[in-house]
Amino acid sequence: MESIERKILNVILAVFLLASLYIINLYNYQLFHSTSEIFSVVVAFSIYMISWNARAYADNDFLLFLGIAYLFIGGIDLLHTLTFEGMNIFASANYDTSVQLWVVARYIQSVTLLIAFVLLINKKKRIKAGYIFGIYASIVILVLLSIFYFKSFPSCYNVEQGLSNFKIISEYIICFILIITIFLLIKPPAVL
């Protein structure tokens, strides 16, 4: 009986949470966006913390690899949230900056999931956490420099035109990478 009551309570809480988010969205989109993004950042950082603390107990380094990657993905998502138009935290940030960071985070996330597949299949494959931290830190630093300092990252959003072709094509590429990953998870090749 307690199990049914607990499920009912969980459903009520979920409905309350969704209704609250909907009302916040109607009232202030920026608050809704920030709330949603901060939740995803907390999830990303939690994946890192769990994987880091469980690394000694894992059969392979699949979870550790994902955790390290999600630490950086969460950091980029946090920057995406803080650069959102109207936040007024970064003086040079605009709509384009926020969208650029979102695209970068999704590229890193999709490629990470594809690479992590190899670690999931190959249980004997071990990684060196320091190298993975170094690789992701280097990639993130280079991308952030291209966005904030060199301003050489392709434009993703223009106020007059909306989404750029680069952003639209990137969305398709990211989806394609994720579809390949899902396909490989469902039917892994015998080669690996």
N, C-alpha and C. Protein backbone atom coordinates (compact mmCIF):
# COMPACT_ATOMS: atom_id res chain seq x y z
N MET A 1 0.82 -1.20 0.00
CA MET A 1 0.00 0.00 0.00
C MET A 1 0.87 1.26 0.00
N GLU A 2 1.98 1.19 0.72
CA GLU A 2 2.87 2.34 0.79
C GLU A 2 3.46 2.66 -0.57
N SER A 3 3.70 1.62 -1.36
CA SER A 3 4.26 1.81 -2.69
C SER A 3 3.30 2.60 -3.58
N ILE A 4 2.02 2.31 -3.52
CA ILE A 4 1.03 3.03 -4.32
C ILE A 4 0.94 4.48 -3.89
N GLU A 5 0.96 4.71 -2.58
CA GLU A 5 0.91 6.08 -2.06
C GLU A 5 2.14 6.87 -2.51
N ARG A 6 3.27 6.20 -2.49
CA ARG A 6 4.52 6.86 -2.92
C ARG A 6 4.45 7.22 -4.41
N LYS A 7 3.92 6.31 -5.23
CA LYS A 7 3.80 6.58 -6.66
C LYS A 7 2.84 7.74 -6.91
N ILE A 8 1.74 7.77 -6.20
CA ILE A 8 0.78 8.87 -6.34
C ILE A 8 1.43 10.19 -5.95
N LEU A 9 2.18 10.19 -4.86
CA LEU A 9 2.88 11.39 -4.42
C LEU A 9 3.90 11.84 -5.47
N ASN A 10 4.62 10.90 -6.06
CA ASN A 10 5.59 11.24 -7.11
C ASN A 10 4.91 11.85 -8.33
N VAL A 11 3.75 11.30 -8.71
CA VAL A 11 3.01 11.85 -9.85
C VAL A 11 2.53 13.26 -9.52
N ILE A 12 2.02 13.46 -8.33
CA ILE A 12 1.55 14.80 -7.92
C ILE A 12 2.71 15.80 -7.93
N LEU A 13 3.85 15.39 -7.42
CA LEU A 13 5.02 16.27 -7.42
C LEU A 13 5.49 16.58 -8.84
N ALA A 14 5.47 15.58 -9.71
CA ALA A 14 5.88 15.80 -11.10
C ALA A 14 4.93 16.76 -11.81
N VAL A 15 3.63 16.57 -11.60
CA VAL A 15 2.64 17.46 -12.21
C VAL A 15 2.81 18.88 -11.67
N PHE A 16 3.04 19.01 -10.37
CA PHE A 16 3.25 20.33 -9.77
C PHE A 16 4.49 21.00 -10.35
N LEU A 17 5.57 20.23 -10.50
CA LEU A 17 6.80 20.78 -11.06
C LEU A 17 6.59 21.24 -12.50
N LEU A 18 5.95 20.41 -13.31
CA LEU A 18 5.70 20.78 -14.71
C LEU A 18 4.76 21.99 -14.81
N ALA A 19 3.74 22.03 -13.98
CA ALA A 19 2.82 23.17 -13.98
C ALA A 19 3.56 24.44 -13.55
N SER A 20 4.42 24.32 -12.56
CA SER A 20 5.20 25.47 -12.11
C SER A 20 6.11 25.99 -13.22
N LEU A 21 6.78 25.07 -13.92
CA LEU A 21 7.64 25.48 -15.02
C LEU A 21 6.85 26.14 -16.14
N TYR A 22 5.66 25.63 -16.41
CA TYR A 22 4.81 26.22 -17.45
C TYR A 22 4.41 27.64 -17.06
N ILE A 23 4.02 27.83 -15.80
CA ILE A 23 3.62 29.15 -15.34
C ILE A 23 4.81 30.12 -15.38
N ILE A 24 5.99 29.63 -14.97
CA ILE A 24 7.19 30.46 -15.03
C ILE A 24 7.48 30.84 -16.47
N ASN A 25 7.30 29.90 -17.40
CA ASN A 25 7.52 30.17 -18.81
C ASN A 25 6.60 31.28 -19.31
N LEU A 26 5.36 31.26 -18.89
CA LEU A 26 4.42 32.30 -19.30
C LEU A 26 4.78 33.65 -18.69
N TYR A 27 5.27 33.63 -17.48
CA TYR A 27 5.58 34.86 -16.75
C TYR A 27 6.90 35.48 -17.21
N ASN A 28 7.95 34.65 -17.30
CA ASN A 28 9.28 35.17 -17.61
C ASN A 28 10.09 34.07 -18.27
N TYR A 29 10.28 34.16 -19.59
CA TYR A 29 11.00 33.11 -20.31
C TYR A 29 12.44 32.99 -19.83
N GLN A 30 13.07 34.10 -19.53
CA GLN A 30 14.46 34.06 -19.09
C GLN A 30 14.60 33.27 -17.79
N LEU A 31 13.68 33.44 -16.88
CA LEU A 31 13.70 32.68 -15.63
C LEU A 31 13.46 31.20 -15.91
N PHE A 32 12.52 30.90 -16.80
CA PHE A 32 12.26 29.51 -17.18
C PHE A 32 13.49 28.87 -17.80
N HIS A 33 14.11 29.58 -18.74
CA HIS A 33 15.30 29.07 -19.41
C HIS A 33 16.42 28.82 -18.41
N SER A 34 16.66 29.78 -17.54
CA SER A 34 17.73 29.65 -16.55
C SER A 34 17.46 28.48 -15.60
N THR A 35 16.23 28.33 -15.17
CA THR A 35 15.87 27.24 -14.27
C THR A 35 16.09 25.89 -14.95
N SER A 36 15.64 25.77 -16.19
CA SER A 36 15.81 24.51 -16.93
C SER A 36 17.28 24.20 -17.17
N GLU A 37 18.04 25.19 -17.56
CA GLU A 37 19.46 24.98 -17.85
C GLU A 37 20.24 24.65 -16.58
N ILE A 38 19.95 25.32 -15.49
CA ILE A 38 20.65 25.03 -14.23
C ILE A 38 20.36 23.60 -13.80
N PHE A 39 19.14 23.14 -14.02
CA PHE A 39 18.82 21.74 -13.71
C PHE A 39 19.68 20.79 -14.53
N SER A 40 19.84 21.09 -15.82
CA SER A 40 20.67 20.21 -16.66
C SER A 40 22.14 20.28 -16.25
N VAL A 41 22.60 21.45 -15.81
CA VAL A 41 23.98 21.59 -15.33
C VAL A 41 24.19 20.77 -14.06
N VAL A 42 23.22 20.80 -13.17
CA VAL A 42 23.30 20.01 -11.93
C VAL A 42 23.36 18.52 -12.28
N VAL A 43 22.56 18.09 -13.24
CA VAL A 43 22.58 16.68 -13.67
C VAL A 43 23.95 16.33 -14.24
N ALA A 44 24.50 17.19 -15.10
CA ALA A 44 25.81 16.93 -15.70
C ALA A 44 26.90 16.84 -14.64
N PHE A 45 26.90 17.76 -13.68
CA PHE A 45 27.91 17.73 -12.61
C PHE A 45 27.70 16.51 -11.71
N SER A 46 26.45 16.10 -11.53
CA SER A 46 26.17 14.90 -10.72
C SER A 46 26.69 13.65 -11.40
N ILE A 47 26.56 13.59 -12.72
CA ILE A 47 27.12 12.45 -13.47
C ILE A 47 28.62 12.37 -13.23
N TYR A 48 29.27 13.53 -13.27
CA TYR A 48 30.71 13.55 -13.00
C TYR A 48 31.03 13.06 -11.59
N MET A 49 30.32 13.60 -10.60
CA MET A 49 30.62 13.22 -9.21
C MET A 49 30.40 11.74 -8.95
N ILE A 50 29.31 11.20 -9.48
CA ILE A 50 29.03 9.77 -9.29
C ILE A 50 30.08 8.93 -9.99
N SER A 51 30.41 9.29 -11.23
CA SER A 51 31.39 8.48 -11.97
C SER A 51 32.77 8.57 -11.34
N TRP A 52 33.14 9.73 -10.84
CA TRP A 52 34.46 9.88 -10.23
C TRP A 52 34.57 9.06 -8.95
N ASN A 53 33.51 9.07 -8.16
CA ASN A 53 33.54 8.33 -6.90
C ASN A 53 33.34 6.83 -7.08
N ALA A 54 32.80 6.42 -8.22
CA ALA A 54 32.56 5.00 -8.48
C ALA A 54 33.63 4.38 -9.36
N ARG A 55 34.65 5.13 -9.72
CA ARG A 55 35.63 4.65 -10.70
C ARG A 55 36.38 3.41 -10.23
N ALA A 56 36.59 3.24 -8.95
CA ALA A 56 37.32 2.07 -8.45
C ALA A 56 36.47 0.80 -8.51
N TYR A 57 35.16 0.95 -8.62
CA TYR A 57 34.26 -0.20 -8.58
C TYR A 57 33.77 -0.62 -9.96
N ALA A 58 34.09 0.15 -10.98
CA ALA A 58 33.57 -0.13 -12.33
C ALA A 58 34.43 -1.17 -13.05
N ASP A 59 33.77 -1.99 -13.87
CA ASP A 59 34.46 -3.00 -14.68
C ASP A 59 35.29 -2.37 -15.79
N ASN A 60 34.77 -1.27 -16.36
CA ASN A 60 35.50 -0.55 -17.40
C ASN A 60 35.36 0.95 -17.14
N ASP A 61 35.93 1.73 -18.02
CA ASP A 61 35.96 3.17 -17.79
C ASP A 61 34.90 3.95 -18.56
N PHE A 62 33.86 3.26 -18.98
CA PHE A 62 32.76 3.91 -19.70
C PHE A 62 32.17 5.05 -18.89
N LEU A 63 31.79 4.77 -17.65
CA LEU A 63 31.16 5.78 -16.81
C LEU A 63 32.13 6.90 -16.45
N LEU A 64 33.39 6.56 -16.19
CA LEU A 64 34.39 7.58 -15.86
C LEU A 64 34.59 8.53 -17.05
N PHE A 65 34.69 7.98 -18.24
CA PHE A 65 34.84 8.80 -19.45
C PHE A 65 33.66 9.74 -19.61
N LEU A 66 32.45 9.21 -19.47
CA LEU A 66 31.26 10.05 -19.57
C LEU A 66 31.24 11.12 -18.49
N GLY A 67 31.61 10.73 -17.28
CA GLY A 67 31.60 11.68 -16.18
C GLY A 67 32.54 12.85 -16.41
N ILE A 68 33.76 12.56 -16.85
CA ILE A 68 34.71 13.64 -17.12
C ILE A 68 34.18 14.54 -18.23
N ALA A 69 33.65 13.93 -19.28
CA ALA A 69 33.09 14.72 -20.39
C ALA A 69 31.94 15.60 -19.91
N TYR A 70 31.06 15.03 -19.08
CA TYR A 70 29.91 15.80 -18.62
C TYR A 70 30.29 16.92 -17.67
N LEU A 71 31.43 16.83 -17.03
CA LEU A 71 31.93 17.95 -16.24
C LEU A 71 32.15 19.15 -17.15
N PHE A 72 32.78 18.92 -18.30
CA PHE A 72 33.04 20.01 -19.24
C PHE A 72 31.77 20.43 -19.98
N ILE A 73 30.93 19.48 -20.33
CA ILE A 73 29.66 19.81 -20.99
C ILE A 73 28.80 20.66 -20.06
N GLY A 74 28.74 20.29 -18.79
CA GLY A 74 27.99 21.07 -17.81
C GLY A 74 28.55 22.47 -17.65
N GLY A 75 29.88 22.58 -17.70
CA GLY A 75 30.50 23.90 -17.60
C GLY A 75 30.14 24.79 -18.78
N ILE A 76 30.14 24.21 -19.98
CA ILE A 76 29.75 24.98 -21.16
C ILE A 76 28.27 25.35 -21.08
N ASP A 77 27.44 24.42 -20.62
CA ASP A 77 26.01 24.73 -20.47
C ASP A 77 25.79 25.84 -19.44
N LEU A 78 26.60 25.85 -18.40
CA LEU A 78 26.50 26.93 -17.41
C LEU A 78 26.86 28.27 -18.05
N LEU A 79 27.93 28.29 -18.84
CA LEU A 79 28.28 29.51 -19.57
C LEU A 79 27.18 29.91 -20.53
N HIS A 80 26.58 28.92 -21.20
CA HIS A 80 25.45 29.19 -22.10
C HIS A 80 24.34 29.91 -21.34
N THR A 81 24.04 29.43 -20.15
CA THR A 81 22.99 30.05 -19.34
C THR A 81 23.37 31.47 -18.92
N LEU A 82 24.61 31.65 -18.50
CA LEU A 82 25.05 32.95 -18.02
C LEU A 82 25.21 33.98 -19.14
N THR A 83 25.38 33.52 -20.38
CA THR A 83 25.52 34.45 -21.50
C THR A 83 24.19 34.70 -22.21
N PHE A 84 23.13 34.08 -21.74
CA PHE A 84 21.83 34.27 -22.37
C PHE A 84 21.46 35.76 -22.34
N GLU A 85 20.91 36.23 -23.44
CA GLU A 85 20.57 37.65 -23.57
C GLU A 85 19.71 38.11 -22.40
N GLY A 86 20.12 39.21 -21.79
CA GLY A 86 19.37 39.77 -20.67
C GLY A 86 19.95 39.41 -19.32
N MET A 87 20.87 38.45 -19.27
CA MET A 87 21.49 38.08 -18.00
C MET A 87 22.46 39.17 -17.54
N ASN A 88 23.08 39.87 -18.49
CA ASN A 88 23.97 40.99 -18.21
C ASN A 88 25.14 40.63 -17.29
N ILE A 89 25.67 39.44 -17.47
CA ILE A 89 26.82 39.02 -16.68
C ILE A 89 28.10 39.25 -17.47
N PHE A 90 28.08 38.91 -18.76
CA PHE A 90 29.22 39.15 -19.63
C PHE A 90 28.88 40.32 -20.55
N ALA A 91 29.72 41.34 -20.55
CA ALA A 91 29.43 42.55 -21.33
C ALA A 91 29.36 42.27 -22.83
N SER A 92 30.22 41.38 -23.32
CA SER A 92 30.26 41.14 -24.76
C SER A 92 29.29 40.06 -25.22
N ALA A 93 28.56 39.44 -24.31
CA ALA A 93 27.66 38.34 -24.67
C ALA A 93 26.40 38.87 -25.34
N ASN A 94 25.91 38.09 -26.30
CA ASN A 94 24.66 38.42 -26.98
C ASN A 94 23.95 37.11 -27.31
N TYR A 95 22.88 37.19 -28.08
CA TYR A 95 22.15 35.98 -28.45
C TYR A 95 23.06 34.97 -29.14
N ASP A 96 23.92 35.46 -30.02
CA ASP A 96 24.80 34.58 -30.77
C ASP A 96 25.74 33.82 -29.85
N THR A 97 26.30 34.48 -28.88
CA THR A 97 27.24 33.83 -27.95
C THR A 97 26.58 32.67 -27.24
N SER A 98 25.39 32.89 -26.75
CA SER A 98 24.67 31.84 -26.04
C SER A 98 24.38 30.64 -26.94
N VAL A 99 23.96 30.91 -28.15
CA VAL A 99 23.65 29.83 -29.09
C VAL A 99 24.93 29.10 -29.52
N GLN A 100 26.01 29.83 -29.71
CA GLN A 100 27.30 29.20 -30.04
C GLN A 100 27.71 28.22 -28.96
N LEU A 101 27.58 28.63 -27.70
CA LEU A 101 27.95 27.75 -26.59
C LEU A 101 27.05 26.52 -26.55
N TRP A 102 25.78 26.71 -26.86
CA TRP A 102 24.86 25.57 -26.86
C TRP A 102 25.27 24.57 -27.94
N VAL A 103 25.61 25.06 -29.12
CA VAL A 103 26.03 24.19 -30.22
C VAL A 103 27.30 23.44 -29.84
N VAL A 104 28.26 24.14 -29.25
CA VAL A 104 29.51 23.50 -28.83
C VAL A 104 29.23 22.38 -27.84
N ALA A 105 28.39 22.66 -26.85
CA ALA A 105 28.07 21.65 -25.83
C ALA A 105 27.42 20.43 -26.47
N ARG A 106 26.52 20.63 -27.43
CA ARG A 106 25.85 19.51 -28.06
C ARG A 106 26.80 18.71 -28.96
N TYR A 107 27.71 19.38 -29.65
CA TYR A 107 28.71 18.66 -30.43
C TYR A 107 29.57 17.79 -29.52
N ILE A 108 30.06 18.38 -28.46
CA ILE A 108 30.91 17.62 -27.54
C ILE A 108 30.13 16.46 -26.94
N GLN A 109 28.89 16.71 -26.57
CA GLN A 109 28.06 15.66 -25.97
C GLN A 109 27.82 14.52 -26.96
N SER A 110 27.47 14.82 -28.19
CA SER A 110 27.16 13.76 -29.15
C SER A 110 28.40 12.95 -29.51
N VAL A 111 29.52 13.62 -29.72
CA VAL A 111 30.75 12.91 -30.06
C VAL A 111 31.22 12.08 -28.86
N THR A 112 31.07 12.61 -27.66
CA THR A 112 31.43 11.87 -26.45
C THR A 112 30.63 10.59 -26.33
N LEU A 113 29.33 10.67 -26.58
CA LEU A 113 28.49 9.47 -26.47
C LEU A 113 28.90 8.43 -27.51
N LEU A 114 29.29 8.88 -28.69
CA LEU A 114 29.74 7.95 -29.73
C LEU A 114 31.06 7.29 -29.32
N ILE A 115 32.00 8.08 -28.80
CA ILE A 115 33.28 7.52 -28.35
C ILE A 115 33.08 6.61 -27.14
N ALA A 116 32.20 6.99 -26.25
CA ALA A 116 31.96 6.19 -25.04
C ALA A 116 31.41 4.81 -25.39
N PHE A 117 30.74 4.71 -26.52
CA PHE A 117 30.21 3.42 -26.97
C PHE A 117 31.33 2.38 -27.06
N VAL A 118 32.48 2.79 -27.56
CA VAL A 118 33.62 1.88 -27.68
C VAL A 118 34.05 1.37 -26.31
N LEU A 119 34.04 2.25 -25.33
CA LEU A 119 34.41 1.85 -23.97
C LEU A 119 33.36 0.92 -23.36
N LEU A 120 32.10 1.13 -23.72
CA LEU A 120 31.04 0.27 -23.21
C LEU A 120 31.17 -1.14 -23.77
N ILE A 121 31.48 -1.24 -25.05
CA ILE A 121 31.59 -2.54 -25.70
C ILE A 121 32.87 -3.26 -25.28
N ASN A 122 33.98 -2.53 -25.23
CA ASN A 122 35.27 -3.12 -24.91
C ASN A 122 35.54 -3.00 -23.41
N LYS A 123 35.15 -4.01 -22.67
CA LYS A 123 35.24 -3.95 -21.22
C LYS A 123 36.67 -3.89 -20.70
N LYS A 124 37.64 -4.31 -21.52
CA LYS A 124 39.04 -4.29 -21.07
C LYS A 124 39.71 -2.95 -21.32
N LYS A 125 39.06 -2.09 -22.06
CA LYS A 125 39.65 -0.79 -22.42
C LYS A 125 39.70 0.10 -21.18
N ARG A 126 40.89 0.57 -20.84
CA ARG A 126 41.07 1.46 -19.70
C ARG A 126 41.56 2.81 -20.21
N ILE A 127 41.18 3.86 -19.50
CA ILE A 127 41.61 5.20 -19.88
C ILE A 127 42.44 5.80 -18.75
N LYS A 128 43.21 6.80 -19.08
CA LYS A 128 43.94 7.56 -18.07
C LYS A 128 43.16 8.86 -17.88
N ALA A 129 42.60 9.02 -16.68
CA ALA A 129 41.73 10.16 -16.40
C ALA A 129 42.43 11.49 -16.66
N GLY A 130 43.71 11.58 -16.33
CA GLY A 130 44.45 12.82 -16.55
C GLY A 130 44.50 13.22 -18.01
N TYR A 131 44.67 12.23 -18.89
CA TYR A 131 44.69 12.50 -20.33
C TYR A 131 43.33 12.98 -20.81
N ILE A 132 42.30 12.34 -20.32
CA ILE A 132 40.94 12.73 -20.74
C ILE A 132 40.63 14.15 -20.27
N PHE A 133 40.99 14.46 -19.01
CA PHE A 133 40.81 15.83 -18.52
C PHE A 133 41.57 16.81 -19.41
N GLY A 134 42.81 16.46 -19.76
CA GLY A 134 43.62 17.34 -20.59
C GLY A 134 43.04 17.55 -21.97
N ILE A 135 42.55 16.48 -22.58
CA ILE A 135 41.96 16.58 -23.92
C ILE A 135 40.72 17.46 -23.90
N TYR A 136 39.82 17.20 -22.95
CA TYR A 136 38.59 17.99 -22.88
C TYR A 136 38.88 19.44 -22.50
N ALA A 137 39.81 19.66 -21.58
CA ALA A 137 40.16 21.03 -21.19
C ALA A 137 40.73 21.78 -22.39
N SER A 138 41.59 21.13 -23.17
CA SER A 138 42.18 21.77 -24.35
C SER A 138 41.10 22.14 -25.36
N ILE A 139 40.21 21.20 -25.64
CA ILE A 139 39.13 21.46 -26.61
C ILE A 139 38.26 22.62 -26.14
N VAL A 140 37.86 22.58 -24.87
CA VAL A 140 36.97 23.62 -24.34
C VAL A 140 37.67 24.98 -24.34
N ILE A 141 38.93 25.03 -23.94
CA ILE A 141 39.66 26.30 -23.93
C ILE A 141 39.77 26.86 -25.35
N LEU A 142 40.11 26.02 -26.31
CA LEU A 142 40.23 26.48 -27.70
C LEU A 142 38.90 27.02 -28.23
N VAL A 143 37.83 26.31 -27.93
CA VAL A 143 36.51 26.75 -28.40
C VAL A 143 36.10 28.04 -27.72
N LEU A 144 36.33 28.14 -26.42
CA LEU A 144 35.96 29.37 -25.71
C LEU A 144 36.78 30.56 -26.20
N LEU A 145 38.06 30.33 -26.49
CA LEU A 145 38.88 31.40 -27.07
C LEU A 145 38.33 31.82 -28.43
N SER A 146 37.90 30.85 -29.24
CA SER A 146 37.36 31.18 -30.56
C SER A 146 36.05 31.95 -30.46
N ILE A 147 35.30 31.74 -29.39
CA ILE A 147 34.02 32.44 -29.22
C ILE A 147 34.23 33.82 -28.58
N PHE A 148 34.95 33.85 -27.45
CA PHE A 148 35.04 35.08 -26.66
C PHE A 148 36.20 36.00 -27.06
N TYR A 149 37.34 35.44 -27.42
CA TYR A 149 38.53 36.27 -27.65
C TYR A 149 38.76 36.53 -29.15
N PHE A 150 38.90 35.46 -29.92
CA PHE A 150 39.19 35.63 -31.35
C PHE A 150 37.94 35.94 -32.16
N LYS A 151 36.78 35.60 -31.63
CA LYS A 151 35.49 35.80 -32.31
C LYS A 151 35.50 35.17 -33.71
N SER A 152 36.11 33.98 -33.78
CA SER A 152 36.23 33.28 -35.06
C SER A 152 35.27 32.11 -35.19
N PHE A 153 34.54 31.79 -34.13
CA PHE A 153 33.57 30.69 -34.20
C PHE A 153 32.42 31.13 -35.11
N PRO A 154 31.95 30.23 -35.97
CA PRO A 154 30.86 30.62 -36.89
C PRO A 154 29.63 31.15 -36.15
N SER A 155 29.02 32.16 -36.73
CA SER A 155 27.81 32.74 -36.15
C SER A 155 26.67 31.72 -36.18
N CYS A 156 25.91 31.69 -35.11
CA CYS A 156 24.80 30.74 -35.01
C CYS A 156 23.44 31.44 -35.01
N TYR A 157 23.44 32.72 -34.64
CA TYR A 157 22.17 33.42 -34.53
C TYR A 157 22.37 34.90 -34.86
N ASN A 158 21.44 35.42 -35.65
CA ASN A 158 21.44 36.83 -35.99
C ASN A 158 20.05 37.36 -35.65
N VAL A 159 19.98 38.47 -34.96
CA VAL A 159 18.68 39.00 -34.52
C VAL A 159 17.74 39.26 -35.69
N GLU A 160 18.28 39.75 -36.80
CA GLU A 160 17.43 40.05 -37.96
C GLU A 160 17.02 38.80 -38.73
N GLN A 161 17.94 37.83 -38.86
CA GLN A 161 17.69 36.65 -39.69
C GLN A 161 17.28 35.42 -38.91
N GLY A 162 17.59 35.37 -37.65
CA GLY A 162 17.31 34.17 -36.85
C GLY A 162 18.49 33.22 -36.87
N LEU A 163 18.21 31.92 -36.89
CA LEU A 163 19.27 30.92 -36.86
C LEU A 163 20.06 30.93 -38.16
N SER A 164 21.38 30.77 -38.03
CA SER A 164 22.24 30.76 -39.22
C SER A 164 22.23 29.37 -39.86
N ASN A 165 22.72 29.30 -41.08
CA ASN A 165 22.82 28.01 -41.75
C ASN A 165 23.75 27.07 -40.99
N PHE A 166 24.83 27.62 -40.43
CA PHE A 166 25.75 26.80 -39.64
C PHE A 166 25.02 26.13 -38.48
N LYS A 167 24.19 26.86 -37.78
CA LYS A 167 23.44 26.32 -36.63
C LYS A 167 22.47 25.24 -37.09
N ILE A 168 21.76 25.49 -38.17
CA ILE A 168 20.78 24.52 -38.67
C ILE A 168 21.47 23.24 -39.13
N ILE A 169 22.54 23.37 -39.90
CA ILE A 169 23.28 22.20 -40.36
C ILE A 169 23.89 21.46 -39.18
N SER A 170 24.39 22.21 -38.20
CA SER A 170 24.97 21.60 -37.00
C SER A 170 23.95 20.75 -36.26
N GLU A 171 22.72 21.22 -36.18
CA GLU A 171 21.66 20.45 -35.52
C GLU A 171 21.46 19.10 -36.21
N TYR A 172 21.47 19.12 -37.54
CA TYR A 172 21.32 17.86 -38.29
C TYR A 172 22.51 16.94 -38.05
N ILE A 173 23.71 17.50 -38.06
CA ILE A 173 24.91 16.69 -37.82
C ILE A 173 24.88 16.08 -36.43
N ILE A 174 24.52 16.87 -35.43
CA ILE A 174 24.44 16.38 -34.05
C ILE A 174 23.40 15.26 -33.95
N CYS A 175 22.25 15.47 -34.55
CA CYS A 175 21.21 14.42 -34.55
C CYS A 175 21.70 13.16 -35.24
N PHE A 176 22.41 13.30 -36.35
CA PHE A 176 22.95 12.16 -37.09
C PHE A 176 23.94 11.38 -36.22
N ILE A 177 24.81 12.08 -35.52
CA ILE A 177 25.77 11.42 -34.63
C ILE A 177 25.03 10.66 -33.52
N LEU A 178 24.00 11.28 -32.96
CA LEU A 178 23.23 10.61 -31.91
C LEU A 178 22.48 9.40 -32.44
N ILE A 179 21.96 9.49 -33.66
CA ILE A 179 21.26 8.35 -34.27
C ILE A 179 22.23 7.20 -34.49
N ILE A 180 23.44 7.50 -34.96
CA ILE A 180 24.45 6.46 -35.14
C ILE A 180 24.75 5.79 -33.79
N THR A 181 24.90 6.60 -32.76
CA THR A 181 25.19 6.06 -31.42
C THR A 181 24.06 5.15 -30.95
N ILE A 182 22.83 5.60 -31.12
CA ILE A 182 21.68 4.77 -30.71
C ILE A 182 21.66 3.47 -31.49
N PHE A 183 21.88 3.56 -32.80
CA PHE A 183 21.90 2.37 -33.64
C PHE A 183 22.98 1.40 -33.17
N LEU A 184 24.17 1.91 -32.86
CA LEU A 184 25.27 1.06 -32.40
C LEU A 184 24.96 0.43 -31.04
N LEU A 185 24.26 1.16 -30.19
CA LEU A 185 23.88 0.60 -28.89
C LEU A 185 22.85 -0.52 -29.04
N ILE A 186 21.94 -0.35 -30.00
CA ILE A 186 20.92 -1.37 -30.22
C ILE A 186 21.52 -2.59 -30.90
N LYS A 187 22.36 -2.36 -31.89
CA LYS A 187 22.94 -3.47 -32.65
C LYS A 187 24.44 -3.24 -32.81
N PRO A 188 25.23 -3.57 -31.79
CA PRO A 188 26.68 -3.33 -31.87
C PRO A 188 27.34 -4.21 -32.92
N PRO A 189 28.35 -3.67 -33.60
CA PRO A 189 29.06 -4.50 -34.60
C PRO A 189 29.89 -5.59 -33.92
N ALA A 190 30.05 -6.69 -34.61
CA ALA A 190 30.81 -7.82 -34.05
C ALA A 190 32.30 -7.53 -34.01
N VAL A 191 32.75 -6.52 -34.75
CA VAL A 191 34.18 -6.19 -34.83
C VAL A 191 34.72 -5.78 -33.48
N LEU A 192 33.94 -5.00 -32.74
CA LEU A 192 34.40 -4.52 -31.44
C LEU A 192 34.24 -5.63 -30.42
